[in-house]
PDB file of all heavy atoms in Angstrom:
ATOM      1  N   GLY A   1      17.841  14.152 -18.890  1.00  0.00           N
ATOM      2  CA  GLY A   1      17.006  15.301 -19.211  1.00  0.00           C
ATOM      3  C   GLY A   1      15.551  14.977 -19.495  1.00  0.00           C
ATOM      4  O   GLY A   1      15.164  13.829 -19.708  1.00  0.00           O
ATOM      5  N   GLU A   2      14.766  16.021 -19.530  1.00  0.00           N
ATOM      6  CA  GLU A   2      13.303  15.953 -19.630  1.00  0.00           C
ATOM      7  C   GLU A   2      12.786  15.160 -20.820  1.00  0.00           C
ATOM      8  O   GLU A   2      11.842  14.380 -20.684  1.00  0.00           O
ATOM      9  CB  GLU A   2      12.739  17.375 -19.690  1.00  0.00           C
ATOM     10  CG  GLU A   2      11.241  17.441 -19.870  1.00  0.00           C
ATOM     11  CD  GLU A   2      10.729  18.862 -19.991  1.00  0.00           C
ATOM     12  OE1 GLU A   2      11.520  19.775 -20.310  1.00  0.00           O
ATOM     13  OE2 GLU A   2       9.521  19.064 -19.766  1.00  0.00           O
ATOM     14  N   THR A   3      13.355  15.329 -21.993  1.00  0.00           N
ATOM     15  CA  THR A   3      12.808  14.666 -23.176  1.00  0.00           C
ATOM     16  C   THR A   3      13.583  13.403 -23.552  1.00  0.00           C
ATOM     17  O   THR A   3      13.378  12.844 -24.632  1.00  0.00           O
ATOM     18  CB  THR A   3      12.754  15.637 -24.378  1.00  0.00           C
ATOM     19  OG1 THR A   3      14.074  16.049 -24.720  1.00  0.00           O
ATOM     20  CG2 THR A   3      11.881  16.845 -24.063  1.00  0.00           C
ATOM     21  N   ALA A   4      14.454  12.948 -22.655  1.00  0.00           N
ATOM     22  CA  ALA A   4      15.212  11.719 -22.904  1.00  0.00           C
ATOM     23  C   ALA A   4      14.304  10.504 -22.763  1.00  0.00           C
ATOM     24  O   ALA A   4      13.341  10.511 -21.991  1.00  0.00           O
ATOM     25  CB  ALA A   4      16.375  11.606 -21.926  1.00  0.00           C
ATOM     26  N   THR A   5      14.623   9.460 -23.527  1.00  0.00           N
ATOM     27  CA  THR A   5      13.989   8.160 -23.335  1.00  0.00           C
ATOM     28  C   THR A   5      15.103   7.129 -23.191  1.00  0.00           C
ATOM     29  O   THR A   5      16.145   7.230 -23.848  1.00  0.00           O
ATOM     30  CB  THR A   5      13.073   7.756 -24.515  1.00  0.00           C
ATOM     31  OG1 THR A   5      13.846   7.626 -25.695  1.00  0.00           O
ATOM     32  CG2 THR A   5      11.974   8.777 -24.722  1.00  0.00           C
ATOM     33  N   VAL A   6      14.880   6.161 -22.316  1.00  0.00           N
ATOM     34  CA  VAL A   6      15.834   5.081 -22.096  1.00  0.00           C
ATOM     35  C   VAL A   6      15.070   3.777 -22.234  1.00  0.00           C
ATOM     36  O   VAL A   6      14.027   3.591 -21.600  1.00  0.00           O
ATOM     37  CB  VAL A   6      16.479   5.179 -20.693  1.00  0.00           C
ATOM     38  CG1 VAL A   6      17.443   4.016 -20.459  1.00  0.00           C
ATOM     39  CG2 VAL A   6      17.200   6.520 -20.508  1.00  0.00           C
ATOM     40  N   GLY A   7      15.589   2.883 -23.059  1.00  0.00           N
ATOM     41  CA  GLY A   7      14.925   1.609 -23.311  1.00  0.00           C
ATOM     42  C   GLY A   7      15.085   0.619 -22.162  1.00  0.00           C
ATOM     43  O   GLY A   7      15.533   0.964 -21.073  1.00  0.00           O
ATOM     44  N   ASP A   8      14.740  -0.621 -22.439  1.00  0.00           N
ATOM     45  CA  ASP A   8      14.792  -1.688 -21.436  1.00  0.00           C
ATOM     46  C   ASP A   8      16.204  -2.242 -21.279  1.00  0.00           C
ATOM     47  O   ASP A   8      16.975  -2.294 -22.239  1.00  0.00           O
ATOM     48  CB  ASP A   8      13.871  -2.844 -21.846  1.00  0.00           C
ATOM     49  CG  ASP A   8      12.404  -2.445 -21.897  1.00  0.00           C
ATOM     50  OD1 ASP A   8      12.027  -1.439 -21.260  1.00  0.00           O
ATOM     51  OD2 ASP A   8      11.636  -3.151 -22.581  1.00  0.00           O
ATOM     52  N   ASP A   9      16.511  -2.685 -20.050  1.00  0.00           N
ATOM     53  CA  ASP A   9      17.731  -3.441 -19.736  1.00  0.00           C
ATOM     54  C   ASP A   9      19.020  -2.692 -20.058  1.00  0.00           C
ATOM     55  O   ASP A   9      20.010  -3.293 -20.480  1.00  0.00           O
ATOM     56  CB  ASP A   9      17.702  -4.792 -20.456  1.00  0.00           C
ATOM     57  CG  ASP A   9      16.468  -5.603 -20.085  1.00  0.00           C
ATOM     58  OD1 ASP A   9      16.193  -5.740 -18.874  1.00  0.00           O
ATOM     59  OD2 ASP A   9      15.763  -6.074 -21.002  1.00  0.00           O
ATOM     60  N   CYS A  10      19.031  -1.394 -19.844  1.00  0.00           N
ATOM     61  CA  CYS A  10      20.225  -0.582 -20.085  1.00  0.00           C
ATOM     62  C   CYS A  10      21.072  -0.497 -18.821  1.00  0.00           C
ATOM     63  O   CYS A  10      20.581  -0.684 -17.708  1.00  0.00           O
ATOM     64  CB  CYS A  10      19.831   0.827 -20.528  1.00  0.00           C
ATOM     65  SG  CYS A  10      19.036   0.854 -22.145  1.00  0.00           S
ATOM     66  N   VAL A  11      22.362  -0.184 -19.008  1.00  0.00           N
ATOM     67  CA  VAL A  11      23.289   0.050 -17.904  1.00  0.00           C
ATOM     68  C   VAL A  11      23.894   1.429 -18.097  1.00  0.00           C
ATOM     69  O   VAL A  11      24.411   1.742 -19.172  1.00  0.00           O
ATOM     70  CB  VAL A  11      24.425  -1.002 -17.866  1.00  0.00           C
ATOM     71  CG1 VAL A  11      25.395  -0.697 -16.731  1.00  0.00           C
ATOM     72  CG2 VAL A  11      23.861  -2.412 -17.732  1.00  0.00           C
ATOM     73  N   ILE A  12      23.817   2.246 -17.052  1.00  0.00           N
ATOM     74  CA  ILE A  12      24.415   3.576 -17.065  1.00  0.00           C
ATOM     75  C   ILE A  12      25.310   3.689 -15.836  1.00  0.00           C
ATOM     76  O   ILE A  12      24.872   3.440 -14.711  1.00  0.00           O
ATOM     77  CB  ILE A  12      23.335   4.685 -17.040  1.00  0.00           C
ATOM     78  CG1 ILE A  12      22.477   4.637 -18.307  1.00  0.00           C
ATOM     79  CG2 ILE A  12      23.966   6.052 -16.848  1.00  0.00           C
ATOM     80  CD1 ILE A  12      21.336   5.645 -18.324  1.00  0.00           C
ATOM     81  N   TYR A  13      26.565   4.065 -16.045  1.00  0.00           N
ATOM     82  CA  TYR A  13      27.508   4.239 -14.943  1.00  0.00           C
ATOM     83  C   TYR A  13      27.523   5.686 -14.455  1.00  0.00           C
ATOM     84  O   TYR A  13      26.915   6.566 -15.067  1.00  0.00           O
ATOM     85  CB  TYR A  13      28.902   3.784 -15.373  1.00  0.00           C
ATOM     86  CG  TYR A  13      28.979   2.281 -15.490  1.00  0.00           C
ATOM     87  CD1 TYR A  13      28.744   1.658 -16.709  1.00  0.00           C
ATOM     88  CD2 TYR A  13      29.240   1.484 -14.384  1.00  0.00           C
ATOM     89  CE1 TYR A  13      28.789   0.272 -16.811  1.00  0.00           C
ATOM     90  CE2 TYR A  13      29.287   0.107 -14.482  1.00  0.00           C
ATOM     91  CZ  TYR A  13      29.058  -0.490 -15.701  1.00  0.00           C
ATOM     92  OH  TYR A  13      29.095  -1.853 -15.799  1.00  0.00           O
ATOM     93  N   HIS A  14      28.230   5.930 -13.370  1.00  0.00           N
ATOM     94  CA  HIS A  14      28.238   7.241 -12.720  1.00  0.00           C
ATOM     95  C   HIS A  14      28.770   8.341 -13.646  1.00  0.00           C
ATOM     96  O   HIS A  14      29.538   8.104 -14.554  1.00  0.00           O
ATOM     97  CB  HIS A  14      29.041   7.196 -11.423  1.00  0.00           C
ATOM     98  CG  HIS A  14      30.462   6.778 -11.607  1.00  0.00           C
ATOM     99  ND1 HIS A  14      30.830   5.462 -11.774  1.00  0.00           N
ATOM    100  CD2 HIS A  14      31.591   7.490 -11.680  1.00  0.00           C
ATOM    101  CE1 HIS A  14      32.132   5.386 -11.911  1.00  0.00           C
ATOM    102  NE2 HIS A  14      32.618   6.610 -11.868  1.00  0.00           N
ATOM    103  N   GLY A  15      28.277   9.540 -13.394  1.00  0.00           N
ATOM    104  CA  GLY A  15      28.743  10.716 -14.106  1.00  0.00           C
ATOM    105  C   GLY A  15      28.238  10.874 -15.526  1.00  0.00           C
ATOM    106  O   GLY A  15      28.716  11.736 -16.261  1.00  0.00           O
ATOM    107  N   VAL A  16      27.267  10.082 -15.929  1.00  0.00           N
ATOM    108  CA  VAL A  16      26.734  10.155 -17.298  1.00  0.00           C
ATOM    109  C   VAL A  16      25.684  11.255 -17.400  1.00  0.00           C
ATOM    110  O   VAL A  16      24.877  11.439 -16.489  1.00  0.00           O
ATOM    111  CB  VAL A  16      26.122   8.795 -17.714  1.00  0.00           C
ATOM    112  CG1 VAL A  16      25.280   8.912 -18.976  1.00  0.00           C
ATOM    113  CG2 VAL A  16      27.217   7.755 -17.885  1.00  0.00           C
ATOM    114  N   THR A  17      25.691  11.972 -18.513  1.00  0.00           N
ATOM    115  CA  THR A  17      24.654  12.959 -18.805  1.00  0.00           C
ATOM    116  C   THR A  17      23.944  12.585 -20.094  1.00  0.00           C
ATOM    117  O   THR A  17      24.599  12.342 -21.111  1.00  0.00           O
ATOM    118  CB  THR A  17      25.264  14.373 -18.965  1.00  0.00           C
ATOM    119  OG1 THR A  17      25.908  14.737 -17.744  1.00  0.00           O
ATOM    120  CG2 THR A  17      24.200  15.394 -19.323  1.00  0.00           C
ATOM    121  N   LEU A  18      22.628  12.516 -20.025  1.00  0.00           N
ATOM    122  CA  LEU A  18      21.782  12.423 -21.215  1.00  0.00           C
ATOM    123  C   LEU A  18      21.145  13.798 -21.331  1.00  0.00           C
ATOM    124  O   LEU A  18      20.096  14.065 -20.756  1.00  0.00           O
ATOM    125  CB  LEU A  18      20.717  11.323 -21.065  1.00  0.00           C
ATOM    126  CG  LEU A  18      21.213   9.917 -20.744  1.00  0.00           C
ATOM    127  CD1 LEU A  18      20.043   8.948 -20.661  1.00  0.00           C
ATOM    128  CD2 LEU A  18      22.238   9.454 -21.747  1.00  0.00           C
ATOM    129  N   GLY A  19      21.835  14.698 -21.999  1.00  0.00           N
ATOM    130  CA  GLY A  19      21.443  16.099 -21.962  1.00  0.00           C
ATOM    131  C   GLY A  19      21.220  16.730 -23.313  1.00  0.00           C
ATOM    132  O   GLY A  19      21.367  16.107 -24.356  1.00  0.00           O
ATOM    133  N   GLY A  20      20.888  18.011 -23.252  1.00  0.00           N
ATOM    134  CA  GLY A  20      20.713  18.816 -24.449  1.00  0.00           C
ATOM    135  C   GLY A  20      22.021  19.504 -24.802  1.00  0.00           C
ATOM    136  O   GLY A  20      23.014  19.402 -24.085  1.00  0.00           O
ATOM    137  N   LYS A  21      21.997  20.223 -25.922  1.00  0.00           N
ATOM    138  CA  LYS A  21      23.186  20.954 -26.351  1.00  0.00           C
ATOM    139  C   LYS A  21      23.024  22.457 -26.160  1.00  0.00           C
ATOM    140  O   LYS A  21      23.848  23.223 -26.629  1.00  0.00           O
ATOM    141  CB  LYS A  21      23.497  20.644 -27.820  1.00  0.00           C
ATOM    142  CG  LYS A  21      23.897  19.205 -28.032  1.00  0.00           C
ATOM    143  CD  LYS A  21      24.552  18.942 -29.373  1.00  0.00           C
ATOM    144  CE  LYS A  21      23.658  19.178 -30.531  1.00  0.00           C
ATOM    145  NZ  LYS A  21      24.234  18.762 -31.818  1.00  0.00           N
ATOM    146  N   GLY A  22      21.961  22.876 -25.499  1.00  0.00           N
ATOM    147  CA  GLY A  22      21.773  24.291 -25.240  1.00  0.00           C
ATOM    148  C   GLY A  22      21.271  25.069 -26.436  1.00  0.00           C
ATOM    149  O   GLY A  22      21.342  26.285 -26.468  1.00  0.00           O
ATOM    150  N   GLN A  23      20.788  24.371 -27.434  1.00  0.00           N
ATOM    151  CA  GLN A  23      20.227  25.023 -28.614  1.00  0.00           C
ATOM    152  C   GLN A  23      19.054  24.199 -29.101  1.00  0.00           C
ATOM    153  O   GLN A  23      18.795  23.129 -28.596  1.00  0.00           O
ATOM    154  CB  GLN A  23      21.286  25.143 -29.712  1.00  0.00           C
ATOM    155  CG  GLN A  23      21.903  23.823 -30.085  1.00  0.00           C
ATOM    156  CD  GLN A  23      23.192  23.997 -30.864  1.00  0.00           C
ATOM    157  OE1 GLN A  23      23.849  25.004 -30.769  1.00  0.00           O
ATOM    158  NE2 GLN A  23      23.551  23.002 -31.634  1.00  0.00           N
ATOM    159  N   GLY A  24      18.353  24.695 -30.063  1.00  0.00           N
ATOM    160  CA  GLY A  24      17.199  23.972 -30.581  1.00  0.00           C
ATOM    161  C   GLY A  24      15.920  24.503 -29.971  1.00  0.00           C
ATOM    162  O   GLY A  24      15.910  25.553 -29.316  1.00  0.00           O
ATOM    163  N   PRO A  25      14.833  23.773 -30.150  1.00  0.00           N
ATOM    164  CA  PRO A  25      13.536  24.271 -29.672  1.00  0.00           C
ATOM    165  C   PRO A  25      13.506  24.399 -28.154  1.00  0.00           C
ATOM    166  O   PRO A  25      13.959  23.513 -27.442  1.00  0.00           O
ATOM    167  CB  PRO A  25      12.550  23.217 -30.163  1.00  0.00           C
ATOM    168  CG  PRO A  25      13.363  21.994 -30.367  1.00  0.00           C
ATOM    169  CD  PRO A  25      14.743  22.441 -30.728  1.00  0.00           C
ATOM    170  N   LYS A  26      12.987  25.519 -27.693  1.00  0.00           N
ATOM    171  CA  LYS A  26      12.947  25.774 -26.249  1.00  0.00           C
ATOM    172  C   LYS A  26      12.160  24.702 -25.512  1.00  0.00           C
ATOM    173  O   LYS A  26      12.570  24.265 -24.455  1.00  0.00           O
ATOM    174  CB  LYS A  26      12.347  27.156 -25.996  1.00  0.00           C
ATOM    175  CG  LYS A  26      12.320  27.522 -24.533  1.00  0.00           C
ATOM    176  CD  LYS A  26      11.811  28.930 -24.315  1.00  0.00           C
ATOM    177  CE  LYS A  26      11.775  29.259 -22.857  1.00  0.00           C
ATOM    178  NZ  LYS A  26      11.240  30.568 -22.598  1.00  0.00           N
ATOM    179  N   CYS A  27      11.053  24.272 -26.033  1.00  0.00           N
ATOM    180  CA  CYS A  27      10.222  23.293 -25.339  1.00  0.00           C
ATOM    181  C   CYS A  27      10.031  22.011 -26.144  1.00  0.00           C
ATOM    182  O   CYS A  27       9.160  21.219 -25.859  1.00  0.00           O
ATOM    183  CB  CYS A  27       8.862  23.898 -24.994  1.00  0.00           C
ATOM    184  SG  CYS A  27       8.982  25.261 -23.833  1.00  0.00           S
ATOM    185  N   GLY A  28      10.855  21.770 -27.149  1.00  0.00           N
ATOM    186  CA  GLY A  28      10.729  20.570 -27.982  1.00  0.00           C
ATOM    187  C   GLY A  28      11.703  19.484 -27.558  1.00  0.00           C
ATOM    188  O   GLY A  28      12.283  19.518 -26.478  1.00  0.00           O
ATOM    189  N   LYS A  29      11.897  18.526 -28.434  1.00  0.00           N
ATOM    190  CA  LYS A  29      12.805  17.399 -28.185  1.00  0.00           C
ATOM    191  C   LYS A  29      14.241  17.902 -28.140  1.00  0.00           C
ATOM    192  O   LYS A  29      14.750  18.454 -29.107  1.00  0.00           O
ATOM    193  CB  LYS A  29      12.610  16.358 -29.297  1.00  0.00           C
ATOM    194  CG  LYS A  29      13.527  15.171 -29.205  1.00  0.00           C
ATOM    195  CD  LYS A  29      13.173  14.277 -28.044  1.00  0.00           C
ATOM    196  CE  LYS A  29      14.004  12.995 -28.087  1.00  0.00           C
ATOM    197  NZ  LYS A  29      14.103  12.377 -26.789  1.00  0.00           N
ATOM    198  N   ARG A  30      14.909  17.709 -26.995  1.00  0.00           N
ATOM    199  CA  ARG A  30      16.259  18.224 -26.804  1.00  0.00           C
ATOM    200  C   ARG A  30      17.247  17.168 -26.337  1.00  0.00           C
ATOM    201  O   ARG A  30      18.445  17.413 -26.294  1.00  0.00           O
ATOM    202  CB  ARG A  30      16.241  19.359 -25.767  1.00  0.00           C
ATOM    203  CG  ARG A  30      15.323  20.487 -26.109  1.00  0.00           C
ATOM    204  CD  ARG A  30      15.248  21.568 -25.044  1.00  0.00           C
ATOM    205  NE  ARG A  30      15.102  21.135 -23.677  1.00  0.00           N
ATOM    206  CZ  ARG A  30      13.951  20.749 -23.108  1.00  0.00           C
ATOM    207  NH1 ARG A  30      12.848  20.687 -23.823  1.00  0.00           N
ATOM    208  NH2 ARG A  30      13.899  20.403 -21.847  1.00  0.00           N
TER     209      ARG A  30
END
């Protein structure tokens, strides 16, 4: 997602979501 950050040397496998929960600030950190 838009406001996600990923550090150095990470491993992410298929089907992973770094997402929001559909609540919280409309344009803030989600």
